[in-house]
Amino acid sequence: MNVIIEGNGGSGKSTLLNYFRDLPDVSCHPEPVKKWTNFYGNNMLDIYYRNQKRWSFPFQFIVQKSFMDLLDDEDSPIASIKIYERFLYSTFNVFSKTMHEKDFMNDIEYMILKEFYELHCKLLSGKFDLIVYLRLDPEICYQRMLKRARPEEKSVNKEFIKDLHKYYEEWLYQRTVSEDIPILIVDANISKKQMQILAQKLYSQWVQK
């Protein structure tokens, strides 16, 4: 079973993965952030946040490719449950669309990413069994982001978080985007302890399948 954990920053994706990674027959695959923060010696995540108008297109291209590369880097091919922290789908349906709407990338750049995305979607057909959407209020998301204080995120403002939330909602809650992968919507406005209890329930369900 291949599962994608999706949601805005601070929604609890890392909390779920930290729980799942110690369970038997499970392999966890966090976002390939190290590839973004050390791209030929350049911290592209930081560069992107500092000047989104200039770097949105190359950064989103790097992110799309890094998720596809992740499939080749799997260290536990025999695990019956594989869990991914985000994947290619949100890269385009949330982040690229937000960048385009905010005029951080032009129409040509957007269409290049769209073609790249659609090509890989064909290759990924049937790969994933479930998307778990951790649905979080953008205000809580922003406060959690401020609290965790990651260096690259210090320039992220509340408006940007709301923009991402809008596209997450359209994609996974309102389902305006055609999606062949089943979607489980979870209220992420809960405590860390409650998130761990949720993880236990999900694992029990997946093991029984």
C-alpha atoms as a PDB file:
ATOM      1  CA  MET A   1       0.000   0.000   0.000  1.00  0.00           C
ATOM      2  CA  ASN A   2       1.406   3.383  -1.045  1.00  0.00           C
ATOM      3  CA  VAL A   3       0.142   6.410   0.873  1.00  0.00           C
ATOM      4  CA  ILE A   4       0.777  10.148   0.446  1.00  0.00           C
ATOM      5  CA  ILE A   5       0.427  12.438   3.473  1.00  0.00           C
ATOM      6  CA  GLU A   6      -0.602  15.897   2.246  1.00  0.00           C
ATOM      7  CA  GLY A   7      -1.238  19.220   3.907  1.00  0.00           C
ATOM      8  CA  ASN A   8       0.029  22.713   4.436  1.00  0.00           C
ATOM      9  CA  GLY A   9       3.079  23.445   6.590  1.00  0.00           C
ATOM     10  CA  GLY A  10       2.537  22.627  10.243  1.00  0.00           C
ATOM     11  CA  SER A  11      -0.381  20.280   9.576  1.00  0.00           C
ATOM     12  CA  GLY A  12       1.296  17.298  11.258  1.00  0.00           C
ATOM     13  CA  LYS A  13       2.902  15.452   8.354  1.00  0.00           C
ATOM     14  CA  SER A  14       6.225  15.041  10.178  1.00  0.00           C
ATOM     15  CA  THR A  15       4.454  13.902  13.352  1.00  0.00           C
ATOM     16  CA  LEU A  16       2.727  11.120  11.432  1.00  0.00           C
ATOM     17  CA  LEU A  17       5.907  10.052   9.687  1.00  0.00           C
ATOM     18  CA  ASN A  18       7.847   9.994  12.964  1.00  0.00           C
ATOM     19  CA  TYR A  19       5.252   7.598  14.352  1.00  0.00           C
ATOM     20  CA  PHE A  20       5.077   5.378  11.278  1.00  0.00           C
ATOM     21  CA  ARG A  21       8.846   5.077  10.759  1.00  0.00           C
ATOM     22  CA  ASP A  22       9.269   2.836  13.834  1.00  0.00           C
ATOM     23  CA  LEU A  23       6.522   0.399  12.875  1.00  0.00           C
ATOM     24  CA  PRO A  24       7.145  -2.982  11.240  1.00  0.00           C
ATOM     25  CA  ASP A  25       6.738  -3.434   7.505  1.00  0.00           C
ATOM     26  CA  VAL A  26       6.606   0.330   6.887  1.00  0.00           C
ATOM     27  CA  SER A  27       8.990   2.550   4.936  1.00  0.00           C
ATOM     28  CA  CYS A  28       8.717   6.327   5.271  1.00  0.00           C
ATOM     29  CA  HIS A  29       9.867   8.808   2.666  1.00  0.00           C
ATOM     30  CA  PRO A  30      10.019  12.432   3.844  1.00  0.00           C
ATOM     31  CA  GLU A  31      10.116  15.340   1.444  1.00  0.00           C
ATOM     32  CA  PRO A  32      13.555  15.422  -0.254  1.00  0.00           C
ATOM     33  CA  VAL A  33      14.371  18.737   1.422  1.00  0.00           C
ATOM     34  CA  LYS A  34      18.099  17.966   1.469  1.00  0.00           C
ATOM     35  CA  LYS A  35      18.093  18.053  -2.330  1.00  0.00           C
ATOM     36  CA  TRP A  36      16.446  21.479  -2.243  1.00  0.00           C
ATOM     37  CA  THR A  37      18.774  22.925   0.374  1.00  0.00           C
ATOM     38  CA  ASN A  38      21.909  21.534  -1.257  1.00  0.00           C
ATOM     39  CA  PHE A  39      21.418  21.747  -5.011  1.00  0.00           C
ATOM     40  CA  TYR A  40      24.998  21.762  -6.272  1.00  0.00           C
ATOM     41  CA  GLY A  41      25.956  23.626  -3.121  1.00  0.00           C
ATOM     42  CA  ASN A  42      23.028  26.072  -3.274  1.00  0.00           C
ATOM     43  CA  ASN A  43      20.174  26.303  -0.779  1.00  0.00           C
ATOM     44  CA  MET A  44      17.418  26.604  -3.361  1.00  0.00           C
ATOM     45  CA  LEU A  45      14.663  26.602  -0.742  1.00  0.00           C
ATOM     46  CA  ASP A  46      16.119  29.699   0.887  1.00  0.00           C
ATOM     47  CA  ILE A  47      16.877  31.345  -2.465  1.00  0.00           C
ATOM     48  CA  TYR A  48      13.314  30.699  -3.608  1.00  0.00           C
ATOM     49  CA  TYR A  49      11.700  32.206  -0.527  1.00  0.00           C
ATOM     50  CA  ARG A  50      13.924  35.266  -0.729  1.00  0.00           C
ATOM     51  CA  ASN A  51      12.900  36.046  -4.322  1.00  0.00           C
ATOM     52  CA  GLN A  52       9.883  34.050  -5.444  1.00  0.00           C
ATOM     53  CA  LYS A  53       9.366  36.127  -8.573  1.00  0.00           C
ATOM     54  CA  ARG A  54      12.797  35.164  -9.884  1.00  0.00           C
ATOM     55  CA  TRP A  55      13.096  31.584  -8.635  1.00  0.00           C
ATOM     56  CA  SER A  56       9.603  30.031  -8.599  1.00  0.00           C
ATOM     57  CA  PHE A  57       9.952  28.272 -11.941  1.00  0.00           C
ATOM     58  CA  PRO A  58      13.409  26.692 -11.462  1.00  0.00           C
ATOM     59  CA  PHE A  59      12.608  25.754  -7.887  1.00  0.00           C
ATOM     60  CA  GLN A  60       9.319  24.060  -8.770  1.00  0.00           C
ATOM     61  CA  PHE A  61      11.070  22.205 -11.581  1.00  0.00           C
ATOM     62  CA  ILE A  62      13.715  20.959  -9.109  1.00  0.00           C
ATOM     63  CA  VAL A  63      11.005  19.904  -6.652  1.00  0.00           C
ATOM     64  CA  GLN A  64       9.039  17.972  -9.282  1.00  0.00           C
ATOM     65  CA  LYS A  65      12.159  16.121 -10.383  1.00  0.00           C
ATOM     66  CA  SER A  66      13.250  15.391  -6.815  1.00  0.00           C
ATOM     67  CA  PHE A  67       9.970  13.631  -6.065  1.00  0.00           C
ATOM     68  CA  MET A  68      10.350  11.423  -9.117  1.00  0.00           C
ATOM     69  CA  ASP A  69      13.954  10.682  -8.125  1.00  0.00           C
ATOM     70  CA  LEU A  70      12.627   9.639  -4.713  1.00  0.00           C
ATOM     71  CA  LEU A  71      11.007   6.580  -6.271  1.00  0.00           C
ATOM     72  CA  ASP A  72      14.433   5.410  -7.438  1.00  0.00           C
ATOM     73  CA  ASP A  73      15.961   5.974  -3.984  1.00  0.00           C
ATOM     74  CA  GLU A  74      13.568   3.787  -1.992  1.00  0.00           C
ATOM     75  CA  ASP A  75      15.485   1.832   0.628  1.00  0.00           C
ATOM     76  CA  SER A  76      12.717  -0.627   1.598  1.00  0.00           C
ATOM     77  CA  PRO A  77      11.152  -2.012  -1.593  1.00  0.00           C
ATOM     78  CA  ILE A  78       9.745  -5.025   0.298  1.00  0.00           C
ATOM     79  CA  ALA A  79       7.764  -2.953   2.833  1.00  0.00           C
ATOM     80  CA  SER A  80       4.043  -3.531   2.376  1.00  0.00           C
ATOM     81  CA  ILE A  81       3.205   0.043   3.467  1.00  0.00           C
ATOM     82  CA  LYS A  82       5.105   2.950   1.943  1.00  0.00           C
ATOM     83  CA  ILE A  83       4.334   6.446   3.181  1.00  0.00           C
ATOM     84  CA  TYR A  84       5.372   9.624   1.406  1.00  0.00           C
ATOM     85  CA  GLU A  85       5.398  13.134   2.824  1.00  0.00           C
ATOM     86  CA  ARG A  86       3.802  15.029  -0.070  1.00  0.00           C
ATOM     87  CA  PHE A  87       4.493  14.096  -3.675  1.00  0.00           C
ATOM     88  CA  LEU A  88       4.426  15.360  -7.235  1.00  0.00           C
ATOM     89  CA  TYR A  89       0.676  16.035  -7.193  1.00  0.00           C
ATOM     90  CA  SER A  90       0.741  18.893  -4.689  1.00  0.00           C
ATOM     91  CA  THR A  91       3.857  20.325  -6.304  1.00  0.00           C
ATOM     92  CA  PHE A  92       1.745  21.253  -9.303  1.00  0.00           C
ATOM     93  CA  ASN A  93      -1.849  21.401  -8.020  1.00  0.00           C
ATOM     94  CA  VAL A  94      -0.960  23.582  -5.028  1.00  0.00           C
ATOM     95  CA  PHE A  95       2.427  25.223  -5.320  1.00  0.00           C
ATOM     96  CA  SER A  96       2.813  25.813  -9.057  1.00  0.00           C
ATOM     97  CA  LYS A  97      -0.771  27.042  -9.321  1.00  0.00           C
ATOM     98  CA  THR A  98      -0.216  29.439  -6.446  1.00  0.00           C
ATOM     99  CA  MET A  99       2.972  30.768  -8.010  1.00  0.00           C
ATOM    100  CA  HIS A 100       1.216  31.277 -11.327  1.00  0.00           C
ATOM    101  CA  GLU A 101      -1.770  33.021  -9.792  1.00  0.00           C
ATOM    102  CA  LYS A 102       0.487  35.390  -7.854  1.00  0.00           C
ATOM    103  CA  ASP A 103       2.393  36.165 -11.069  1.00  0.00           C
ATOM    104  CA  PHE A 104       5.590  34.642  -9.667  1.00  0.00           C
ATOM    105  CA  MET A 105       5.868  32.631 -12.873  1.00  0.00           C
ATOM    106  CA  ASN A 106       4.652  33.492 -16.362  1.00  0.00           C
ATOM    107  CA  ASP A 107       2.309  31.490 -18.603  1.00  0.00           C
ATOM    108  CA  ILE A 108       5.119  29.793 -20.525  1.00  0.00           C
ATOM    109  CA  GLU A 109       6.871  28.638 -17.349  1.00  0.00           C
ATOM    110  CA  TYR A 110       3.579  27.384 -15.960  1.00  0.00           C
ATOM    111  CA  MET A 111       2.798  25.386 -19.111  1.00  0.00           C
ATOM    112  CA  ILE A 112       6.269  23.804 -19.061  1.00  0.00           C
ATOM    113  CA  LEU A 113       5.645  22.608 -15.502  1.00  0.00           C
ATOM    114  CA  LYS A 114       2.170  21.443 -16.475  1.00  0.00           C
ATOM    115  CA  GLU A 115       3.497  19.309 -19.331  1.00  0.00           C
ATOM    116  CA  PHE A 116       6.225  17.888 -17.097  1.00  0.00           C
ATOM    117  CA  TYR A 117       3.633  17.100 -14.432  1.00  0.00           C
ATOM    118  CA  GLU A 118       1.158  15.451 -16.810  1.00  0.00           C
ATOM    119  CA  LEU A 119       3.907  13.304 -18.334  1.00  0.00           C
ATOM    120  CA  HIS A 120       4.892  11.942 -14.938  1.00  0.00           C
ATOM    121  CA  CYS A 121       1.287  11.454 -13.855  1.00  0.00           C
ATOM    122  CA  LYS A 122       0.963   8.916 -16.671  1.00  0.00           C
ATOM    123  CA  LEU A 123       4.052   7.114 -15.386  1.00  0.00           C
ATOM    124  CA  LEU A 124       2.642   7.134 -11.847  1.00  0.00           C
ATOM    125  CA  SER A 125      -0.766   5.734 -12.850  1.00  0.00           C
ATOM    126  CA  GLY A 126      -1.803   3.126 -10.273  1.00  0.00           C
ATOM    127  CA  LYS A 127       1.220   3.797  -8.065  1.00  0.00           C
ATOM    128  CA  PHE A 128      -0.604   5.277  -5.061  1.00  0.00           C
ATOM    129  CA  ASP A 129      -3.549   3.887  -3.113  1.00  0.00           C
ATOM    130  CA  LEU A 130      -4.498   6.803  -0.864  1.00  0.00           C
ATOM    131  CA  ILE A 131      -3.944  10.502  -0.170  1.00  0.00           C
ATOM    132  CA  VAL A 132      -4.412  11.555   3.459  1.00  0.00           C
ATOM    133  CA  TYR A 133      -5.235  15.264   3.522  1.00  0.00           C
ATOM    134  CA  LEU A 134      -4.406  16.891   6.863  1.00  0.00           C
ATOM    135  CA  ARG A 135      -6.862  19.763   6.661  1.00  0.00           C
ATOM    136  CA  LEU A 136      -5.645  22.652   8.799  1.00  0.00           C
ATOM    137  CA  ASP A 137      -6.918  26.165   9.419  1.00  0.00           C
ATOM    138  CA  PRO A 138      -4.405  28.535   7.729  1.00  0.00           C
ATOM    139  CA  GLU A 139      -4.212  30.734  10.850  1.00  0.00           C
ATOM    140  CA  ILE A 140      -3.160  27.755  12.984  1.00  0.00           C
ATOM    141  CA  CYS A 141      -0.791  26.710  10.201  1.00  0.00           C
ATOM    142  CA  TYR A 142       0.912  30.105  10.262  1.00  0.00           C
ATOM    143  CA  GLN A 143       1.256  30.112  14.050  1.00  0.00           C
ATOM    144  CA  ARG A 144       2.778  26.607  14.016  1.00  0.00           C
ATOM    145  CA  MET A 145       5.196  27.688  11.320  1.00  0.00           C
ATOM    146  CA  LEU A 146       6.292  30.675  13.384  1.00  0.00           C
ATOM    147  CA  LYS A 147       6.771  28.421  16.411  1.00  0.00           C
ATOM    148  CA  ARG A 148       8.983  25.880  14.643  1.00  0.00           C
ATOM    149  CA  ALA A 149      11.057  28.746  13.175  1.00  0.00           C
ATOM    150  CA  ARG A 150      12.804  27.008  10.290  1.00  0.00           C
ATOM    151  CA  PRO A 151      15.422  29.395   8.832  1.00  0.00           C
ATOM    152  CA  GLU A 152      14.189  29.105   5.226  1.00  0.00           C
ATOM    153  CA  GLU A 153      10.601  29.912   6.253  1.00  0.00           C
ATOM    154  CA  LYS A 154      11.283  33.185   8.065  1.00  0.00           C
ATOM    155  CA  SER A 155      10.165  35.227   5.039  1.00  0.00           C
ATOM    156  CA  VAL A 156       6.894  33.291   4.572  1.00  0.00           C
ATOM    157  CA  ASN A 157       3.874  35.472   5.326  1.00  0.00           C
ATOM    158  CA  LYS A 158       0.300  34.633   6.279  1.00  0.00           C
ATOM    159  CA  GLU A 159      -1.066  35.591   2.870  1.00  0.00           C
ATOM    160  CA  PHE A 160       1.105  32.959   1.193  1.00  0.00           C
ATOM    161  CA  ILE A 161      -0.141  30.288   3.607  1.00  0.00           C
ATOM    162  CA  LYS A 162      -3.744  31.253   2.798  1.00  0.00           C
ATOM    163  CA  ASP A 163      -3.021  31.040  -0.928  1.00  0.00           C
ATOM    164  CA  LEU A 164      -1.640  27.515  -0.547  1.00  0.00           C
ATOM    165  CA  HIS A 165      -4.624  26.550   1.612  1.00  0.00           C
ATOM    166  CA  LYS A 166      -6.987  27.745  -1.120  1.00  0.00           C
ATOM    167  CA  TYR A 167      -5.485  25.350  -3.665  1.00  0.00           C
ATOM    168  CA  TYR A 168      -5.268  22.486  -1.188  1.00  0.00           C
ATOM    169  CA  GLU A 169      -8.992  22.951  -0.577  1.00  0.00           C
ATOM    170  CA  GLU A 170      -9.829  23.069  -4.290  1.00  0.00           C
ATOM    171  CA  TRP A 171      -7.749  19.991  -5.015  1.00  0.00           C
ATOM    172  CA  LEU A 172      -8.491  17.676  -2.077  1.00  0.00           C
ATOM    173  CA  TYR A 173     -11.605  18.996  -0.312  1.00  0.00           C
ATOM    174  CA  GLN A 174     -13.750  20.490  -3.075  1.00  0.00           C
ATOM    175  CA  ARG A 175     -12.185  18.032  -5.547  1.00  0.00           C
ATOM    176  CA  THR A 176     -12.284  20.402  -8.491  1.00  0.00           C
ATOM    177  CA  VAL A 177      -9.254  18.573  -9.909  1.00  0.00           C
ATOM    178  CA  SER A 178      -9.870  15.148 -11.394  1.00  0.00           C
ATOM    179  CA  GLU A 179      -8.047  12.721  -9.119  1.00  0.00           C
ATOM    180  CA  ASP A 180      -7.953   8.935  -9.491  1.00  0.00           C
ATOM    181  CA  ILE A 181      -6.423   8.394  -6.049  1.00  0.00           C
ATOM    182  CA  PRO A 182      -8.853   7.948  -3.119  1.00  0.00           C
ATOM    183  CA  ILE A 183      -8.707  10.840  -0.628  1.00  0.00           C
ATOM    184  CA  LEU A 184      -9.094  10.648   3.157  1.00  0.00           C
ATOM    185  CA  ILE A 185      -9.752  14.040   4.776  1.00  0.00           C
ATOM    186  CA  VAL A 186      -8.539  14.446   8.361  1.00  0.00           C
ATOM    187  CA  ASP A 187      -9.090  17.385  10.713  1.00  0.00           C
ATOM    188  CA  ALA A 188      -5.534  18.469  11.568  1.00  0.00           C
ATOM    189  CA  ASN A 189      -6.600  21.158  14.053  1.00  0.00           C
ATOM    190  CA  ILE A 190      -5.658  18.767  16.852  1.00  0.00           C
ATOM    191  CA  SER A 191      -2.829  18.302  19.336  1.00  0.00           C
ATOM    192  CA  LYS A 192       0.343  16.313  18.712  1.00  0.00           C
ATOM    193  CA  LYS A 193      -0.907  13.599  21.057  1.00  0.00           C
ATOM    194  CA  GLN A 194      -4.194  13.352  19.158  1.00  0.00           C
ATOM    195  CA  MET A 195      -2.231  13.141  15.902  1.00  0.00           C
ATOM    196  CA  GLN A 196      -0.311  10.155  17.274  1.00  0.00           C
ATOM    197  CA  ILE A 197      -3.595   8.442  18.209  1.00  0.00           C
ATOM    198  CA  LEU A 198      -4.810   9.099  14.656  1.00  0.00           C
ATOM    199  CA  ALA A 199      -1.629   7.507  13.301  1.00  0.00           C
ATOM    200  CA  GLN A 200      -2.285   4.368  15.377  1.00  0.00           C
ATOM    201  CA  LYS A 201      -5.806   4.069  13.954  1.00  0.00           C
ATOM    202  CA  LEU A 202      -4.625   4.561  10.372  1.00  0.00           C
ATOM    203  CA  TYR A 203      -1.866   1.980  10.744  1.00  0.00           C
ATOM    204  CA  SER A 204      -4.311  -0.576  12.158  1.00  0.00           C
ATOM    205  CA  GLN A 205      -6.634  -0.046   9.194  1.00  0.00           C
ATOM    206  CA  TRP A 206      -3.841  -0.353   6.627  1.00  0.00           C
ATOM    207  CA  VAL A 207      -2.367  -3.495   8.190  1.00  0.00           C
ATOM    208  CA  GLN A 208      -5.763  -5.192   8.007  1.00  0.00           C
ATOM    209  CA  LYS A 209      -6.097  -4.576   4.274  1.00  0.00           C
END
